[in-house]
Amino acid sequence: MTITWHGQSFFEIQTKDREGNEIKIAIDPFDEQLGLRVPKIKAAILLISHPHHDHANKKAILGTPFVVEEPGEYELKGIFIKGIPAFHDNSEGRERGTIAIYKMEVENVKICHLSDLGQKELNENQLEEIGEVDILMIPVGGTYTIGPKEAATLVSQIEPKIVIPMHYKLPKLKFDLERIEKFLKVMGAEDKQPQKKLKVSLRDLPKEETEIVVLTP
């Protein structure tokens, strides 16, 4: 499969079904208010974690995707998806409400997208629902989500094989977020070079230490 990051929490996952037909999954597309260029992509499945303008721009997705926008279990085109309730803040949703964490299995690779998670730690029930994770997409920019230190704590909780940071400061982004360098310093991965896309399969996953992958939009 190929994973592309378009900025903020907007990801595109490209895979194939058993017959070899292409399937694209889009997650949390943003709108023009962010200051970033909004890519137009065609997808069969669209996951929206919460109805904020920087995560729920359905118009950015071409075609007629099946839209998932609340917790629950779904199986679409052979892809298993689970939406898990979580909070946008560390006050049980009293400040910014709730979100859905999405766990999905694509080509036998377990992917988890933490959206705008604001909890400093996941509770036991959430960890059990998430289960084993191969690739973790995690916010690291602070302000509206967890910051670099909290993100490092969650990486320790979840123990994924690959971590892809998201929701941090980018050129032209109007939000005042932390830069990626702070998270990389906390993780001891300052030498990581950004790459355009991540092509990965089950056999490519790290066998021992967690690997940080920095993508560029």
C-alpha atoms as a PDB file:
ATOM      1  CA  MET A   1       0.000   0.000   0.000  1.00  0.00           C
ATOM      2  CA  THR A   2       0.974   3.634  -0.359  1.00  0.00           C
ATOM      3  CA  ILE A   3       0.331   6.257   2.345  1.00  0.00           C
ATOM      4  CA  THR A   4       0.328   9.948   1.420  1.00  0.00           C
ATOM      5  CA  TRP A   5      -0.012  12.832   3.889  1.00  0.00           C
ATOM      6  CA  HIS A   6      -1.631  16.024   2.595  1.00  0.00           C
ATOM      7  CA  GLY A   7      -1.074  18.100   5.750  1.00  0.00           C
ATOM      8  CA  GLN A   8      -2.854  18.518   9.103  1.00  0.00           C
ATOM      9  CA  SER A   9      -4.610  15.137   9.669  1.00  0.00           C
ATOM     10  CA  PHE A  10      -5.482  14.490   6.013  1.00  0.00           C
ATOM     11  CA  PHE A  11      -4.177  11.128   4.789  1.00  0.00           C
ATOM     12  CA  GLU A  12      -4.712   9.131   1.613  1.00  0.00           C
ATOM     13  CA  ILE A  13      -4.189   5.366   1.670  1.00  0.00           C
ATOM     14  CA  GLN A  14      -3.972   3.579  -1.666  1.00  0.00           C
ATOM     15  CA  THR A  15      -4.425  -0.190  -1.778  1.00  0.00           C
ATOM     16  CA  LYS A  16      -5.991  -2.938  -3.924  1.00  0.00           C
ATOM     17  CA  ASP A  17      -8.756  -5.437  -3.333  1.00  0.00           C
ATOM     18  CA  ARG A  18      -8.434  -9.192  -3.902  1.00  0.00           C
ATOM     19  CA  GLU A  19      -9.236  -8.753  -7.590  1.00  0.00           C
ATOM     20  CA  GLY A  20      -6.496  -6.156  -8.008  1.00  0.00           C
ATOM     21  CA  ASN A  21      -8.807  -3.146  -8.237  1.00  0.00           C
ATOM     22  CA  GLU A  22      -7.506   0.089  -6.714  1.00  0.00           C
ATOM     23  CA  ILE A  23      -9.115   1.332  -3.502  1.00  0.00           C
ATOM     24  CA  LYS A  24      -8.395   4.705  -1.934  1.00  0.00           C
ATOM     25  CA  ILE A  25      -9.189   5.667   1.646  1.00  0.00           C
ATOM     26  CA  ALA A  26      -9.266   9.358   2.608  1.00  0.00           C
ATOM     27  CA  ILE A  27      -9.069  10.483   6.237  1.00  0.00           C
ATOM     28  CA  ASP A  28      -9.953  13.926   7.661  1.00  0.00           C
ATOM     29  CA  PRO A  29      -9.718  16.251   4.627  1.00  0.00           C
ATOM     30  CA  PHE A  30      -9.343  19.944   5.533  1.00  0.00           C
ATOM     31  CA  ASP A  31     -10.736  23.069   3.859  1.00  0.00           C
ATOM     32  CA  GLU A  32      -9.227  26.314   2.563  1.00  0.00           C
ATOM     33  CA  GLN A  33      -9.459  28.116   5.925  1.00  0.00           C
ATOM     34  CA  LEU A  34      -6.200  26.456   7.033  1.00  0.00           C
ATOM     35  CA  GLY A  35      -4.138  28.336   4.467  1.00  0.00           C
ATOM     36  CA  LEU A  36      -2.905  25.110   2.897  1.00  0.00           C
ATOM     37  CA  ARG A  37      -3.665  23.977  -0.643  1.00  0.00           C
ATOM     38  CA  VAL A  38      -6.581  21.553  -0.628  1.00  0.00           C
ATOM     39  CA  PRO A  39      -5.885  18.567  -2.902  1.00  0.00           C
ATOM     40  CA  LYS A  40      -8.797  16.996  -4.749  1.00  0.00           C
ATOM     41  CA  ILE A  41      -8.670  13.210  -4.620  1.00  0.00           C
ATOM     42  CA  LYS A  42     -11.049  10.427  -5.551  1.00  0.00           C
ATOM     43  CA  ALA A  43     -11.701   7.870  -2.830  1.00  0.00           C
ATOM     44  CA  ALA A  44     -13.982   4.893  -2.220  1.00  0.00           C
ATOM     45  CA  ILE A  45     -13.967   5.340   1.561  1.00  0.00           C
ATOM     46  CA  LEU A  46     -13.922   8.590   3.551  1.00  0.00           C
ATOM     47  CA  LEU A  47     -13.282   8.655   7.295  1.00  0.00           C
ATOM     48  CA  ILE A  48     -14.170  11.805   9.237  1.00  0.00           C
ATOM     49  CA  SER A  49     -13.197  11.893  12.894  1.00  0.00           C
ATOM     50  CA  HIS A  50     -15.196  14.976  13.931  1.00  0.00           C
ATOM     51  CA  PRO A  51     -17.114  17.819  12.241  1.00  0.00           C
ATOM     52  CA  HIS A  52     -14.497  20.604  12.433  1.00  0.00           C
ATOM     53  CA  HIS A  53     -13.625  22.435   9.203  1.00  0.00           C
ATOM     54  CA  ASP A  54     -10.016  21.191   9.220  1.00  0.00           C
ATOM     55  CA  HIS A  55     -11.148  17.541   9.339  1.00  0.00           C
ATOM     56  CA  ALA A  56     -14.482  17.298   7.551  1.00  0.00           C
ATOM     57  CA  ASN A  57     -14.233  18.830   4.077  1.00  0.00           C
ATOM     58  CA  LYS A  58     -16.248  16.267   2.132  1.00  0.00           C
ATOM     59  CA  LYS A  59     -16.099  18.463  -0.985  1.00  0.00           C
ATOM     60  CA  ALA A  60     -12.373  17.706  -1.315  1.00  0.00           C
ATOM     61  CA  ILE A  61     -13.170  14.065  -2.054  1.00  0.00           C
ATOM     62  CA  LEU A  62     -14.334  13.294  -5.575  1.00  0.00           C
ATOM     63  CA  GLY A  63     -16.641  10.454  -6.508  1.00  0.00           C
ATOM     64  CA  THR A  64     -19.230   8.953  -4.171  1.00  0.00           C
ATOM     65  CA  PRO A  65     -17.264   7.546  -1.246  1.00  0.00           C
ATOM     66  CA  PHE A  66     -18.805   5.583   1.599  1.00  0.00           C
ATOM     67  CA  VAL A  67     -18.574   8.035   4.501  1.00  0.00           C
ATOM     68  CA  VAL A  68     -17.806   6.925   8.056  1.00  0.00           C
ATOM     69  CA  GLU A  69     -18.143   9.735  10.604  1.00  0.00           C
ATOM     70  CA  GLU A  70     -18.937   8.120  13.947  1.00  0.00           C
ATOM     71  CA  PRO A  71     -17.681   5.307  16.181  1.00  0.00           C
ATOM     72  CA  GLY A  72     -18.642   1.761  15.290  1.00  0.00           C
ATOM     73  CA  GLU A  73     -17.433  -1.224  13.289  1.00  0.00           C
ATOM     74  CA  TYR A  74     -17.498  -1.346   9.495  1.00  0.00           C
ATOM     75  CA  GLU A  75     -16.288  -3.687   6.771  1.00  0.00           C
ATOM     76  CA  LEU A  76     -15.978  -2.038   3.378  1.00  0.00           C
ATOM     77  CA  LYS A  77     -14.428  -3.599   0.287  1.00  0.00           C
ATOM     78  CA  GLY A  78     -12.609  -6.124   2.447  1.00  0.00           C
ATOM     79  CA  ILE A  79     -11.201  -3.437   4.760  1.00  0.00           C
ATOM     80  CA  PHE A  80     -12.114  -3.654   8.448  1.00  0.00           C
ATOM     81  CA  ILE A  81     -12.595  -0.273  10.165  1.00  0.00           C
ATOM     82  CA  LYS A  82     -13.309   0.465  13.818  1.00  0.00           C
ATOM     83  CA  GLY A  83     -14.205   3.908  15.164  1.00  0.00           C
ATOM     84  CA  ILE A  84     -13.335   4.337  18.847  1.00  0.00           C
ATOM     85  CA  PRO A  85     -14.709   7.240  20.961  1.00  0.00           C
ATOM     86  CA  ALA A  86     -12.133   9.655  22.394  1.00  0.00           C
ATOM     87  CA  PHE A  87     -11.844  13.272  23.562  1.00  0.00           C
ATOM     88  CA  HIS A  88     -10.593  16.375  21.755  1.00  0.00           C
ATOM     89  CA  ASP A  89      -9.245  17.724  25.057  1.00  0.00           C
ATOM     90  CA  ASN A  90      -7.958  16.470  28.390  1.00  0.00           C
ATOM     91  CA  SER A  91     -11.205  17.393  30.192  1.00  0.00           C
ATOM     92  CA  GLU A  92     -13.424  14.562  28.918  1.00  0.00           C
ATOM     93  CA  GLY A  93     -14.725  16.686  26.051  1.00  0.00           C
ATOM     94  CA  ARG A  94     -15.884  19.682  28.092  1.00  0.00           C
ATOM     95  CA  GLU A  95     -13.660  22.082  26.112  1.00  0.00           C
ATOM     96  CA  ARG A  96     -13.696  20.803  22.523  1.00  0.00           C
ATOM     97  CA  GLY A  97     -15.979  17.781  22.424  1.00  0.00           C
ATOM     98  CA  THR A  98     -15.360  14.299  21.142  1.00  0.00           C
ATOM     99  CA  ILE A  99     -13.597  12.641  18.221  1.00  0.00           C
ATOM    100  CA  ALA A 100     -13.346   9.174  16.710  1.00  0.00           C
ATOM    101  CA  ILE A 101     -10.043   7.325  16.644  1.00  0.00           C
ATOM    102  CA  TYR A 102      -9.979   5.084  13.559  1.00  0.00           C
ATOM    103  CA  LYS A 103      -8.337   1.672  13.566  1.00  0.00           C
ATOM    104  CA  MET A 104      -8.262  -0.132  10.223  1.00  0.00           C
ATOM    105  CA  GLU A 105      -6.700  -3.212   8.713  1.00  0.00           C
ATOM    106  CA  VAL A 106      -5.369  -2.811   5.188  1.00  0.00           C
ATOM    107  CA  GLU A 107      -3.390  -5.619   3.514  1.00  0.00           C
ATOM    108  CA  ASN A 108      -3.103  -7.234   6.965  1.00  0.00           C
ATOM    109  CA  VAL A 109      -1.369  -4.070   8.244  1.00  0.00           C
ATOM    110  CA  LYS A 110      -3.035  -2.500  11.285  1.00  0.00           C
ATOM    111  CA  ILE A 111      -3.271   1.292  11.005  1.00  0.00           C
ATOM    112  CA  CYS A 112      -4.467   3.708  13.704  1.00  0.00           C
ATOM    113  CA  HIS A 113      -5.331   7.388  13.110  1.00  0.00           C
ATOM    114  CA  LEU A 114      -5.604   9.344  16.379  1.00  0.00           C
ATOM    115  CA  SER A 115      -7.243  12.420  14.840  1.00  0.00           C
ATOM    116  CA  ASP A 116      -7.322  15.531  17.088  1.00  0.00           C
ATOM    117  CA  LEU A 117      -6.709  13.563  20.263  1.00  0.00           C
ATOM    118  CA  GLY A 118      -6.418  15.826  23.295  1.00  0.00           C
ATOM    119  CA  GLN A 119      -6.110  13.183  26.002  1.00  0.00           C
ATOM    120  CA  LYS A 120      -2.683  13.054  27.604  1.00  0.00           C
ATOM    121  CA  GLU A 121      -3.101   9.314  27.981  1.00  0.00           C
ATOM    122  CA  LEU A 122      -5.473   6.702  26.628  1.00  0.00           C
ATOM    123  CA  ASN A 123      -7.590   4.801  29.119  1.00  0.00           C
ATOM    124  CA  GLU A 124      -7.549   1.016  29.457  1.00  0.00           C
ATOM    125  CA  ASN A 125     -10.731   0.541  27.450  1.00  0.00           C
ATOM    126  CA  GLN A 126      -9.422   2.637  24.545  1.00  0.00           C
ATOM    127  CA  LEU A 127      -6.122   0.763  24.531  1.00  0.00           C
ATOM    128  CA  GLU A 128      -7.977  -2.532  24.467  1.00  0.00           C
ATOM    129  CA  GLU A 129     -10.186  -1.345  21.593  1.00  0.00           C
ATOM    130  CA  ILE A 130      -7.169  -0.134  19.626  1.00  0.00           C
ATOM    131  CA  GLY A 131      -5.172  -3.304  20.256  1.00  0.00           C
ATOM    132  CA  GLU A 132      -2.053  -4.043  18.228  1.00  0.00           C
ATOM    133  CA  VAL A 133      -0.910  -1.266  15.888  1.00  0.00           C
ATOM    134  CA  ASP A 134       1.593  -1.451  13.041  1.00  0.00           C
ATOM    135  CA  ILE A 135       1.327   2.160  11.812  1.00  0.00           C
ATOM    136  CA  LEU A 136       0.286   5.011  14.105  1.00  0.00           C
ATOM    137  CA  MET A 137      -0.737   8.444  12.781  1.00  0.00           C
ATOM    138  CA  ILE A 138      -0.418  10.792  15.752  1.00  0.00           C
ATOM    139  CA  PRO A 139      -0.859  14.570  16.307  1.00  0.00           C
ATOM    140  CA  VAL A 140       2.211  16.265  17.775  1.00  0.00           C
ATOM    141  CA  GLY A 141       1.561  20.009  17.391  1.00  0.00           C
ATOM    142  CA  GLY A 142      -0.142  20.858  20.694  1.00  0.00           C
ATOM    143  CA  THR A 143      -2.596  23.764  21.172  1.00  0.00           C
ATOM    144  CA  TYR A 144      -5.670  21.870  19.880  1.00  0.00           C
ATOM    145  CA  THR A 145      -4.259  18.375  20.424  1.00  0.00           C
ATOM    146  CA  ILE A 146      -1.540  16.618  22.385  1.00  0.00           C
ATOM    147  CA  GLY A 147       1.953  18.060  22.010  1.00  0.00           C
ATOM    148  CA  PRO A 148       5.362  16.424  21.515  1.00  0.00           C
ATOM    149  CA  LYS A 149       5.778  15.080  25.073  1.00  0.00           C
ATOM    150  CA  GLU A 150       2.244  13.712  25.313  1.00  0.00           C
ATOM    151  CA  ALA A 151       2.619  12.149  21.874  1.00  0.00           C
ATOM    152  CA  ALA A 152       5.764  10.361  23.037  1.00  0.00           C
ATOM    153  CA  THR A 153       3.819   9.014  26.031  1.00  0.00           C
ATOM    154  CA  LEU A 154       1.103   7.647  23.758  1.00  0.00           C
ATOM    155  CA  VAL A 155       3.665   6.028  21.479  1.00  0.00           C
ATOM    156  CA  SER A 156       4.925   4.207  24.578  1.00  0.00           C
ATOM    157  CA  GLN A 157       1.367   3.179  25.452  1.00  0.00           C
ATOM    158  CA  ILE A 158       0.479   1.868  21.992  1.00  0.00           C
ATOM    159  CA  GLU A 159       3.916   0.523  20.956  1.00  0.00           C
ATOM    160  CA  PRO A 160       3.437   0.725  17.165  1.00  0.00           C
ATOM    161  CA  LYS A 161       6.024  -0.431  14.662  1.00  0.00           C
ATOM    162  CA  ILE A 162       5.903   2.814  12.639  1.00  0.00           C
ATOM    163  CA  VAL A 163       4.911   6.320  13.794  1.00  0.00           C
ATOM    164  CA  ILE A 164       3.823   9.016  11.331  1.00  0.00           C
ATOM    165  CA  PRO A 165       3.513  12.433  13.044  1.00  0.00           C
ATOM    166  CA  MET A 166       0.772  14.809  11.862  1.00  0.00           C
ATOM    167  CA  HIS A 167      -1.069  18.006  12.846  1.00  0.00           C
ATOM    168  CA  TYR A 168       1.989  20.226  13.320  1.00  0.00           C
ATOM    169  CA  LYS A 169       3.220  23.568  11.966  1.00  0.00           C
ATOM    170  CA  LEU A 170       3.648  23.838   8.209  1.00  0.00           C
ATOM    171  CA  PRO A 171       4.485  26.826   5.977  1.00  0.00           C
ATOM    172  CA  LYS A 172       1.297  28.852   5.271  1.00  0.00           C
ATOM    173  CA  LEU A 173      -0.662  27.045   8.008  1.00  0.00           C
ATOM    174  CA  LYS A 174      -2.723  29.650   9.861  1.00  0.00           C
ATOM    175  CA  PHE A 175      -2.819  27.663  13.127  1.00  0.00           C
ATOM    176  CA  ASP A 176      -0.039  28.276  15.638  1.00  0.00           C
ATOM    177  CA  LEU A 177       1.226  24.752  16.267  1.00  0.00           C
ATOM    178  CA  GLU A 178       4.545  23.260  17.396  1.00  0.00           C
ATOM    179  CA  ARG A 179       7.048  22.324  14.712  1.00  0.00           C
ATOM    180  CA  ILE A 180       7.932  18.725  13.947  1.00  0.00           C
ATOM    181  CA  GLU A 181      11.488  19.189  15.243  1.00  0.00           C
ATOM    182  CA  LYS A 182      10.285  19.236  18.869  1.00  0.00           C
ATOM    183  CA  PHE A 183       8.638  15.833  18.566  1.00  0.00           C
ATOM    184  CA  LEU A 184      11.650  14.378  16.771  1.00  0.00           C
ATOM    185  CA  LYS A 185      13.927  15.662  19.551  1.00  0.00           C
ATOM    186  CA  VAL A 186      11.751  14.059  22.244  1.00  0.00           C
ATOM    187  CA  MET A 187      11.848  10.783  20.307  1.00  0.00           C
ATOM    188  CA  GLY A 188      15.604  10.971  19.674  1.00  0.00           C
ATOM    189  CA  ALA A 189      15.031  11.009  15.915  1.00  0.00           C
ATOM    190  CA  GLU A 190      16.370  14.420  14.879  1.00  0.00           C
ATOM    191  CA  ASP A 191      18.117  12.989  11.823  1.00  0.00           C
ATOM    192  CA  LYS A 192      14.910  11.801  10.132  1.00  0.00           C
ATOM    193  CA  GLN A 193      14.588  13.077   6.555  1.00  0.00           C
ATOM    194  CA  PRO A 194      11.085  13.740   5.202  1.00  0.00           C
ATOM    195  CA  GLN A 195       9.799  11.596   2.358  1.00  0.00           C
ATOM    196  CA  LYS A 196       6.958  12.186  -0.067  1.00  0.00           C
ATOM    197  CA  LYS A 197       5.117   8.892   0.406  1.00  0.00           C
ATOM    198  CA  LEU A 198       5.392   5.693   2.411  1.00  0.00           C
ATOM    199  CA  LYS A 199       5.165   2.461   0.477  1.00  0.00           C
ATOM    200  CA  VAL A 200       4.793  -0.381   2.946  1.00  0.00           C
ATOM    201  CA  SER A 201       3.668  -3.994   3.233  1.00  0.00           C
ATOM    202  CA  LEU A 202       3.431  -6.417   6.134  1.00  0.00           C
ATOM    203  CA  ARG A 203       6.914  -7.799   5.455  1.00  0.00           C
ATOM    204  CA  ASP A 204       8.431  -4.278   5.442  1.00  0.00           C
ATOM    205  CA  LEU A 205       7.443  -3.486   9.040  1.00  0.00           C
ATOM    206  CA  PRO A 206      10.260  -3.051  11.580  1.00  0.00           C
ATOM    207  CA  LYS A 207      10.837  -6.151  13.669  1.00  0.00           C
ATOM    208  CA  GLU A 208      12.204  -4.484  16.812  1.00  0.00           C
ATOM    209  CA  GLU A 209      12.414  -0.736  17.544  1.00  0.00           C
ATOM    210  CA  THR A 210       9.669   1.723  16.590  1.00  0.00           C
ATOM    211  CA  GLU A 211      10.528   3.679  13.439  1.00  0.00           C
ATOM    212  CA  ILE A 212       9.574   7.342  12.937  1.00  0.00           C
ATOM    213  CA  VAL A 213       8.525   8.232   9.374  1.00  0.00           C
ATOM    214  CA  VAL A 214       8.177  11.918   8.515  1.00  0.00           C
ATOM    215  CA  LEU A 215       6.071  12.628   5.442  1.00  0.00           C
ATOM    216  CA  THR A 216       5.917  15.887   3.549  1.00  0.00           C
ATOM    217  CA  PRO A 217       2.684  17.155   1.954  1.00  0.00           C
END
